[in-house]
């Protein structure tokens, strides 16, 4: 049975000496069922606290995070071009290109 670990980069050599293995595809350290999980207790991921997740955030924090999410940041050379057809925004169709760019 596989047990995933949360090993900080600074402690990777210690975990490796104890027998932990690196899974490059998942980018995680893990141990197989043959090793004692108690040895790796300090790197066991902590379960999420359900009571903290269920509690609503204070109104001031919610408002601050909502305003930060609503801001659209663009570069200094950004020019908003009007859409003239129903093509997707990331597609550059001929109709939009010909009518939107200034002459």
Protein backbone atom coordinates (compact mmCIF):
# COMPACT_ATOMS: atom_id res chain seq x y z
CA UNK A 1 0.00 0.00 0.00
CA UNK A 2 1.33 3.42 -0.94
CA UNK A 3 1.48 6.36 1.49
CA UNK A 4 2.16 9.83 0.08
CA UNK A 5 4.37 12.14 2.13
CA UNK A 6 4.78 15.90 2.36
CA UNK A 7 8.55 16.25 2.45
CA UNK A 8 10.06 19.76 2.24
CA UNK A 9 12.91 20.12 -0.22
CA UNK A 10 15.41 20.75 2.58
CA UNK A 11 14.55 17.37 4.17
CA UNK A 12 14.47 15.23 1.02
CA UNK A 13 17.82 13.58 1.72
CA UNK A 14 16.69 12.49 5.19
CA UNK A 15 13.50 10.96 3.79
CA UNK A 16 15.46 9.21 1.06
CA UNK A 17 17.88 7.68 3.60
CA UNK A 18 14.92 6.28 5.53
CA UNK A 19 13.55 4.62 2.39
CA UNK A 20 11.12 7.13 0.90
CA UNK A 21 10.91 7.19 -2.87
CA UNK A 22 10.26 10.06 -5.31
CA UNK A 23 7.40 9.80 -7.80
CA UNK A 24 8.44 12.08 -10.67
CA UNK A 25 5.07 11.90 -12.43
CA UNK A 26 3.11 13.06 -9.38
CA UNK A 27 6.01 15.08 -7.93
CA UNK A 28 5.57 13.57 -4.48
CA UNK A 29 7.51 11.50 -2.02
CA UNK A 30 5.93 8.22 -0.97
CA UNK A 31 6.59 4.98 0.92
CA UNK A 32 5.50 1.48 0.08
CA UNK A 33 3.59 -0.81 2.41
CA UNK A 34 6.76 -2.63 3.49
CA UNK A 35 8.08 0.35 5.45
CA UNK A 36 6.90 1.47 8.89
CA UNK A 37 4.77 4.64 8.49
CA UNK A 38 5.58 5.67 12.09
CA UNK A 39 9.16 6.48 11.02
CA UNK A 40 7.77 8.98 8.51
CA UNK A 41 5.18 10.50 10.88
CA UNK A 42 6.57 14.03 10.66
CA UNK A 43 6.00 14.03 6.89
CA UNK A 44 2.48 12.58 6.95
CA UNK A 45 0.06 15.08 5.40
CA UNK A 46 -2.31 16.58 7.93
CA UNK A 47 -6.01 15.97 7.26
CA UNK A 48 -8.04 19.06 6.49
CA UNK A 49 -9.95 20.52 9.39
CA UNK A 50 -13.60 20.30 8.32
CA UNK A 51 -14.80 22.69 11.03
CA UNK A 52 -12.51 25.50 9.81
CA UNK A 53 -13.59 25.02 6.21
CA UNK A 54 -17.27 25.14 7.12
CA UNK A 55 -16.99 28.38 9.14
CA UNK A 56 -17.83 31.48 7.09
CA UNK A 57 -15.08 34.03 6.56
CA UNK A 58 -15.44 37.46 8.19
CA UNK A 59 -17.16 40.03 6.00
CA UNK A 60 -14.10 42.27 5.71
CA UNK A 61 -11.90 39.43 4.45
CA UNK A 62 -14.59 38.33 1.99
CA UNK A 63 -14.93 41.86 0.62
CA UNK A 64 -11.16 42.26 0.26
CA UNK A 65 -10.76 38.96 -1.55
CA UNK A 66 -13.72 39.68 -3.84
CA UNK A 67 -12.30 43.08 -4.85
CA UNK A 68 -8.86 41.53 -5.47
CA UNK A 69 -10.39 38.84 -7.68
CA UNK A 70 -12.45 41.38 -9.62
CA UNK A 71 -9.45 43.47 -10.69
CA UNK A 72 -8.26 42.85 -14.21
CA UNK A 73 -4.60 43.66 -14.67
CA UNK A 74 -3.35 44.47 -18.12
CA UNK A 75 -0.07 45.76 -19.50
CA UNK A 76 0.62 49.39 -20.33
CA UNK A 77 0.32 48.69 -24.07
CA UNK A 78 -3.01 46.85 -23.84
CA UNK A 79 -5.64 48.03 -26.31
CA UNK A 80 -9.17 46.66 -26.00
CA UNK A 81 -10.48 45.90 -29.46
CA UNK A 82 -14.24 45.71 -30.00
CA UNK A 83 -15.70 42.37 -31.06
CA UNK A 84 -17.65 42.56 -34.31
CA UNK A 85 -18.73 38.93 -34.64
CA UNK A 86 -19.45 35.88 -32.49
CA UNK A 87 -16.01 34.28 -32.76
CA UNK A 88 -14.17 33.17 -29.63
CA UNK A 89 -12.11 35.91 -27.92
CA UNK A 90 -8.80 34.10 -28.42
CA UNK A 91 -9.44 33.47 -32.11
CA UNK A 92 -8.46 36.17 -34.55
CA UNK A 93 -10.98 35.96 -37.38
CA UNK A 94 -10.76 38.07 -40.54
CA UNK A 95 -13.93 40.07 -39.80
CA UNK A 96 -12.71 41.16 -36.36
CA UNK A 97 -9.21 41.89 -37.60
CA UNK A 98 -10.36 44.05 -40.53
CA UNK A 99 -12.95 46.10 -38.68
CA UNK A 100 -11.40 46.44 -35.23
CA UNK A 101 -7.91 47.72 -35.95
CA UNK A 102 -7.60 51.49 -36.41
CA UNK A 103 -6.77 52.61 -39.91
